[in-house]
């Protein structure tokens, strides 16, 4: 019976040590798991913040390009007026006009590409894996920025097309006038 009691005592002691060991392992695992979760959330938040920052930077660049397009459209309109008011054909003015229109076309192409990219980013952000971790405010900001820039771009594009069509109509009238 002493042997049995001694064996039980050793076993009980071993069990206490093992329980302590397992508890410490479990606490370490929980602590490590908790840290991993916090780090994962922090990395996800950092990734979201970086995506939003890059999106807003791209939006600002696009906004600057649209402002440049508007100023070029105003210059083109002035060149059209000067060309219509001139008695003789001024090659230098036509050259400046063509350069301005080429610049506008290049800027339009870059803005269209940027808007397509922004649309994909704003729509893709909400459909990405882990989208529930994304803040809905970020998604709304991105979509509203995209929408406002797109509307502004289309207004500018319409203004440019109206400017060009007005110029063509005036040129037709100018050419028909000497024939009459």
C-alpha atoms as a PDB file:
ATOM      1  CA  UNK A   1       0.000   0.000   0.000  1.00  0.00           C
ATOM      2  CA  UNK A   2       2.880   2.409   0.612  1.00  0.00           C
ATOM      3  CA  UNK A   3       4.146   1.775  -2.828  1.00  0.00           C
ATOM      4  CA  UNK A   4       0.723   2.549  -4.252  1.00  0.00           C
ATOM      5  CA  UNK A   5       0.403   5.743  -2.187  1.00  0.00           C
ATOM      6  CA  UNK A   6       3.880   6.774  -3.165  1.00  0.00           C
ATOM      7  CA  UNK A   7       3.115   6.106  -6.813  1.00  0.00           C
ATOM      8  CA  UNK A   8      -0.139   8.065  -6.561  1.00  0.00           C
ATOM      9  CA  UNK A   9       1.712  10.890  -4.857  1.00  0.00           C
ATOM     10  CA  UNK A  10       4.308  10.964  -7.613  1.00  0.00           C
ATOM     11  CA  UNK A  11       1.650  10.725 -10.253  1.00  0.00           C
ATOM     12  CA  UNK A  12      -0.370  13.475  -8.648  1.00  0.00           C
ATOM     13  CA  UNK A  13       2.717  15.647  -8.470  1.00  0.00           C
ATOM     14  CA  UNK A  14       3.573  14.890 -12.032  1.00  0.00           C
ATOM     15  CA  UNK A  15       0.024  15.664 -13.016  1.00  0.00           C
ATOM     16  CA  UNK A  16       0.145  18.985 -11.214  1.00  0.00           C
ATOM     17  CA  UNK A  17       3.366  19.799 -13.017  1.00  0.00           C
ATOM     18  CA  UNK A  18       1.872  18.718 -16.321  1.00  0.00           C
ATOM     19  CA  UNK A  19      -1.299  20.695 -15.739  1.00  0.00           C
ATOM     20  CA  UNK A  20       0.817  23.740 -14.954  1.00  0.00           C
ATOM     21  CA  UNK A  21       2.895  23.067 -18.043  1.00  0.00           C
ATOM     22  CA  UNK A  22      -0.182  22.657 -20.248  1.00  0.00           C
ATOM     23  CA  UNK A  23      -1.817  25.752 -18.796  1.00  0.00           C
ATOM     24  CA  UNK A  24       1.299  27.816 -19.442  1.00  0.00           C
ATOM     25  CA  UNK A  25       1.467  26.417 -22.992  1.00  0.00           C
ATOM     26  CA  UNK A  26      -2.191  27.235 -23.533  1.00  0.00           C
ATOM     27  CA  UNK A  27      -1.720  30.776 -22.175  1.00  0.00           C
ATOM     28  CA  UNK A  28       1.324  31.268 -24.373  1.00  0.00           C
ATOM     29  CA  UNK A  29      -0.617  30.020 -27.380  1.00  0.00           C
ATOM     30  CA  UNK A  30      -3.543  32.316 -26.571  1.00  0.00           C
ATOM     31  CA  UNK A  31      -1.219  35.243 -26.045  1.00  0.00           C
ATOM     32  CA  UNK A  32       0.606  34.479 -29.272  1.00  0.00           C
ATOM     33  CA  UNK A  33      -2.687  33.934 -31.074  1.00  0.00           C
ATOM     34  CA  UNK A  34      -4.024  37.195 -29.682  1.00  0.00           C
ATOM     35  CA  UNK A  35      -0.901  39.027 -30.784  1.00  0.00           C
ATOM     36  CA  UNK A  36      -1.174  37.474 -34.215  1.00  0.00           C
ATOM     37  CA  UNK A  37      -4.778  38.582 -34.457  1.00  0.00           C
ATOM     38  CA  UNK A  38      -3.896  42.121 -33.394  1.00  0.00           C
ATOM     39  CA  UNK A  39      -0.982  42.164 -35.838  1.00  0.00           C
ATOM     40  CA  UNK A  40      -3.141  40.756 -38.603  1.00  0.00           C
ATOM     41  CA  UNK A  41      -5.791  43.377 -37.923  1.00  0.00           C
ATOM     42  CA  UNK A  42      -3.124  46.070 -37.797  1.00  0.00           C
ATOM     43  CA  UNK A  43      -1.645  44.859 -41.093  1.00  0.00           C
ATOM     44  CA  UNK A  44      -5.116  44.769 -42.649  1.00  0.00           C
ATOM     45  CA  UNK A  45      -5.833  48.268 -41.355  1.00  0.00           C
ATOM     46  CA  UNK A  46      -2.448  49.482 -42.616  1.00  0.00           C
ATOM     47  CA  UNK A  47      -3.123  47.904 -45.996  1.00  0.00           C
ATOM     48  CA  UNK A  48      -6.534  49.585 -46.134  1.00  0.00           C
ATOM     49  CA  UNK A  49      -5.057  52.934 -45.131  1.00  0.00           C
ATOM     50  CA  UNK A  50      -2.320  52.539 -47.750  1.00  0.00           C
ATOM     51  CA  UNK A  51      -4.889  51.642 -50.414  1.00  0.00           C
ATOM     52  CA  UNK A  52      -7.032  54.629 -49.517  1.00  0.00           C
ATOM     53  CA  UNK A  53      -4.014  56.952 -49.437  1.00  0.00           C
ATOM     54  CA  UNK A  54      -2.823  55.761 -52.844  1.00  0.00           C
ATOM     55  CA  UNK A  55      -6.376  56.094 -54.180  1.00  0.00           C
ATOM     56  CA  UNK A  56      -6.671  59.661 -52.863  1.00  0.00           C
ATOM     57  CA  UNK A  57      -3.249  60.523 -54.273  1.00  0.00           C
ATOM     58  CA  UNK A  58      -4.357  59.205 -57.647  1.00  0.00           C
ATOM     59  CA  UNK A  59      -7.602  61.184 -57.321  1.00  0.00           C
ATOM     60  CA  UNK A  60      -5.619  64.371 -56.658  1.00  0.00           C
ATOM     61  CA  UNK A  61      -3.409  63.734 -59.694  1.00  0.00           C
ATOM     62  CA  UNK A  62      -6.503  63.133 -61.814  1.00  0.00           C
ATOM     63  CA  UNK A  63      -8.081  66.328 -60.454  1.00  0.00           C
ATOM     64  CA  UNK A  64      -4.940  68.272 -61.410  1.00  0.00           C
ATOM     65  CA  UNK A  65      -5.055  66.826 -64.923  1.00  0.00           C
ATOM     66  CA  UNK A  66      -8.713  67.800 -65.312  1.00  0.00           C
ATOM     67  CA  UNK A  67      -7.864  71.351 -64.222  1.00  0.00           C
ATOM     68  CA  UNK A  68      -5.069  71.380 -66.823  1.00  0.00           C
ATOM     69  CA  UNK A  69      -7.534  70.178 -69.467  1.00  0.00           C
ATOM     70  CA  UNK A  70      -9.971  72.957 -68.551  1.00  0.00           C
ATOM     71  CA  UNK A  71      -7.268  75.588 -68.886  1.00  0.00           C
ATOM     72  CA  UNK A  72      -6.201  74.121 -72.236  1.00  0.00           C
ATOM     73  CA  UNK A  73      -9.817  74.172 -73.449  1.00  0.00           C
ATOM     74  CA  UNK A  74      -9.990  77.878 -72.519  1.00  0.00           C
ATOM     75  CA  UNK A  75      -6.761  78.514 -74.439  1.00  0.00           C
ATOM     76  CA  UNK A  76      -8.113  76.609 -77.439  1.00  0.00           C
ATOM     77  CA  UNK A  77     -11.295  78.681 -77.321  1.00  0.00           C
ATOM     78  CA  UNK A  78      -9.164  81.864 -77.345  1.00  0.00           C
ATOM     79  CA  UNK A  79      -7.127  80.547 -80.270  1.00  0.00           C
ATOM     80  CA  UNK A  80     -10.352  79.798 -82.152  1.00  0.00           C
ATOM     81  CA  UNK A  81     -11.524  83.364 -81.591  1.00  0.00           C
ATOM     82  CA  UNK A  82      -8.234  84.794 -82.793  1.00  0.00           C
ATOM     83  CA  UNK A  83      -8.219  82.550 -85.855  1.00  0.00           C
ATOM     84  CA  UNK A  84     -11.769  83.645 -86.767  1.00  0.00           C
ATOM     85  CA  UNK A  85     -10.870  87.298 -86.255  1.00  0.00           C
ATOM     86  CA  UNK A  86      -7.678  87.159 -88.311  1.00  0.00           C
ATOM     87  CA  UNK A  87      -7.791  88.435 -91.887  1.00  0.00           C
ATOM     88  CA  UNK A  88      -5.160  85.983 -93.116  1.00  0.00           C
ATOM     89  CA  UNK A  89      -4.226  82.447 -92.123  1.00  0.00           C
ATOM     90  CA  UNK A  90      -1.650  82.478 -89.333  1.00  0.00           C
ATOM     91  CA  UNK A  91       0.389  79.254 -89.416  1.00  0.00           C
ATOM     92  CA  UNK A  92       1.927  79.871 -86.007  1.00  0.00           C
ATOM     93  CA  UNK A  93      -1.496  80.153 -84.403  1.00  0.00           C
ATOM     94  CA  UNK A  94      -2.684  76.957 -86.116  1.00  0.00           C
ATOM     95  CA  UNK A  95       0.443  75.187 -84.928  1.00  0.00           C
ATOM     96  CA  UNK A  96      -0.234  76.305 -81.336  1.00  0.00           C
ATOM     97  CA  UNK A  97      -3.851  75.214 -81.716  1.00  0.00           C
ATOM     98  CA  UNK A  98      -2.834  71.745 -82.906  1.00  0.00           C
ATOM     99  CA  UNK A  99      -0.281  71.397 -80.095  1.00  0.00           C
ATOM    100  CA  UNK A 100      -2.936  72.337 -77.551  1.00  0.00           C
ATOM    101  CA  UNK A 101      -5.405  69.825 -79.001  1.00  0.00           C
ATOM    102  CA  UNK A 102      -2.751  67.086 -78.973  1.00  0.00           C
ATOM    103  CA  UNK A 103      -1.986  67.887 -75.338  1.00  0.00           C
ATOM    104  CA  UNK A 104      -5.679  67.735 -74.492  1.00  0.00           C
ATOM    105  CA  UNK A 105      -6.025  64.344 -76.185  1.00  0.00           C
ATOM    106  CA  UNK A 106      -3.054  62.973 -74.239  1.00  0.00           C
ATOM    107  CA  UNK A 107      -4.462  64.268 -70.973  1.00  0.00           C
ATOM    108  CA  UNK A 108      -7.905  62.877 -71.807  1.00  0.00           C
ATOM    109  CA  UNK A 109      -6.404  59.446 -72.421  1.00  0.00           C
ATOM    110  CA  UNK A 110      -4.477  59.480 -69.140  1.00  0.00           C
ATOM    111  CA  UNK A 111      -7.531  60.689 -67.207  1.00  0.00           C
ATOM    112  CA  UNK A 112      -9.746  58.008 -68.781  1.00  0.00           C
ATOM    113  CA  UNK A 113      -7.204  55.343 -67.834  1.00  0.00           C
ATOM    114  CA  UNK A 114      -6.899  56.728 -64.302  1.00  0.00           C
ATOM    115  CA  UNK A 115     -10.685  56.772 -63.907  1.00  0.00           C
ATOM    116  CA  UNK A 116     -10.939  53.162 -65.047  1.00  0.00           C
ATOM    117  CA  UNK A 117      -8.267  52.192 -62.543  1.00  0.00           C
ATOM    118  CA  UNK A 118     -10.012  54.116 -59.783  1.00  0.00           C
ATOM    119  CA  UNK A 119     -13.320  52.445 -60.623  1.00  0.00           C
ATOM    120  CA  UNK A 120     -11.711  49.017 -60.404  1.00  0.00           C
ATOM    121  CA  UNK A 121     -10.061  49.912 -57.104  1.00  0.00           C
ATOM    122  CA  UNK A 122     -13.228  51.254 -55.521  1.00  0.00           C
ATOM    123  CA  UNK A 123     -15.354  48.334 -56.680  1.00  0.00           C
ATOM    124  CA  UNK A 124     -12.622  45.777 -56.037  1.00  0.00           C
ATOM    125  CA  UNK A 125     -12.022  46.985 -52.503  1.00  0.00           C
ATOM    126  CA  UNK A 126     -15.526  46.074 -51.421  1.00  0.00           C
ATOM    127  CA  UNK A 127     -15.381  42.677 -53.135  1.00  0.00           C
ATOM    128  CA  UNK A 128     -11.933  41.677 -51.864  1.00  0.00           C
ATOM    129  CA  UNK A 129     -11.403  38.868 -49.434  1.00  0.00           C
ATOM    130  CA  UNK A 130     -11.638  40.319 -45.957  1.00  0.00           C
ATOM    131  CA  UNK A 131     -13.915  43.105 -47.118  1.00  0.00           C
ATOM    132  CA  UNK A 132     -15.765  42.898 -43.818  1.00  0.00           C
ATOM    133  CA  UNK A 133     -12.594  44.262 -42.200  1.00  0.00           C
ATOM    134  CA  UNK A 134     -12.697  47.260 -44.517  1.00  0.00           C
ATOM    135  CA  UNK A 135     -14.299  50.330 -43.179  1.00  0.00           C
ATOM    136  CA  UNK A 136     -17.454  51.197 -45.098  1.00  0.00           C
ATOM    137  CA  UNK A 137     -16.500  54.866 -44.830  1.00  0.00           C
ATOM    138  CA  UNK A 138     -13.348  54.215 -46.873  1.00  0.00           C
ATOM    139  CA  UNK A 139     -15.364  52.526 -49.576  1.00  0.00           C
ATOM    140  CA  UNK A 140     -17.883  55.402 -49.643  1.00  0.00           C
ATOM    141  CA  UNK A 141     -15.078  57.966 -49.830  1.00  0.00           C
ATOM    142  CA  UNK A 142     -13.469  56.157 -52.715  1.00  0.00           C
ATOM    143  CA  UNK A 143     -16.701  55.716 -54.646  1.00  0.00           C
ATOM    144  CA  UNK A 144     -17.759  59.347 -54.103  1.00  0.00           C
ATOM    145  CA  UNK A 145     -14.344  60.611 -55.206  1.00  0.00           C
ATOM    146  CA  UNK A 146     -14.541  58.451 -58.306  1.00  0.00           C
ATOM    147  CA  UNK A 147     -18.086  59.591 -59.106  1.00  0.00           C
ATOM    148  CA  UNK A 148     -17.331  63.289 -58.694  1.00  0.00           C
ATOM    149  CA  UNK A 149     -14.172  63.076 -60.796  1.00  0.00           C
ATOM    150  CA  UNK A 150     -16.000  61.128 -63.479  1.00  0.00           C
ATOM    151  CA  UNK A 151     -18.793  63.730 -63.658  1.00  0.00           C
ATOM    152  CA  UNK A 152     -16.277  66.563 -63.781  1.00  0.00           C
ATOM    153  CA  UNK A 153     -14.330  64.776 -66.517  1.00  0.00           C
ATOM    154  CA  UNK A 154     -17.465  64.266 -68.621  1.00  0.00           C
ATOM    155  CA  UNK A 155     -18.425  67.935 -68.209  1.00  0.00           C
ATOM    156  CA  UNK A 156     -14.959  68.963 -69.351  1.00  0.00           C
ATOM    157  CA  UNK A 157     -15.108  66.529 -72.249  1.00  0.00           C
ATOM    158  CA  UNK A 158     -18.512  67.923 -73.284  1.00  0.00           C
ATOM    159  CA  UNK A 159     -17.179  71.477 -73.061  1.00  0.00           C
ATOM    160  CA  UNK A 160     -14.247  70.561 -75.308  1.00  0.00           C
ATOM    161  CA  UNK A 161     -16.527  68.873 -77.844  1.00  0.00           C
ATOM    162  CA  UNK A 162     -18.841  71.912 -77.882  1.00  0.00           C
ATOM    163  CA  UNK A 163     -15.832  74.169 -78.410  1.00  0.00           C
ATOM    164  CA  UNK A 164     -14.678  72.042 -81.336  1.00  0.00           C
ATOM    165  CA  UNK A 165     -18.134  71.825 -82.925  1.00  0.00           C
ATOM    166  CA  UNK A 166     -18.628  75.609 -82.575  1.00  0.00           C
ATOM    167  CA  UNK A 167     -15.273  76.146 -84.285  1.00  0.00           C
ATOM    168  CA  UNK A 168     -16.227  73.812 -87.136  1.00  0.00           C
ATOM    169  CA  UNK A 169     -19.571  75.586 -87.618  1.00  0.00           C
ATOM    170  CA  UNK A 170     -17.912  78.999 -87.675  1.00  0.00           C
ATOM    171  CA  UNK A 171     -15.304  77.746 -90.138  1.00  0.00           C
ATOM    172  CA  UNK A 172     -18.055  76.449 -92.436  1.00  0.00           C
ATOM    173  CA  UNK A 173     -19.823  79.810 -92.309  1.00  0.00           C
ATOM    174  CA  UNK A 174     -16.531  81.610 -92.932  1.00  0.00           C
ATOM    175  CA  UNK A 175     -15.803  79.455 -95.988  1.00  0.00           C
ATOM    176  CA  UNK A 176     -19.307  79.883 -97.372  1.00  0.00           C
ATOM    177  CA  UNK A 177     -19.305  83.678 -96.974  1.00  0.00           C
ATOM    178  CA  UNK A 178     -16.781  84.502 -99.745  1.00  0.00           C
ATOM    179  CA  UNK A 179     -18.578  82.106-102.124  1.00  0.00           C
ATOM    180  CA  UNK A 180     -21.827  84.060-101.822  1.00  0.00           C
END
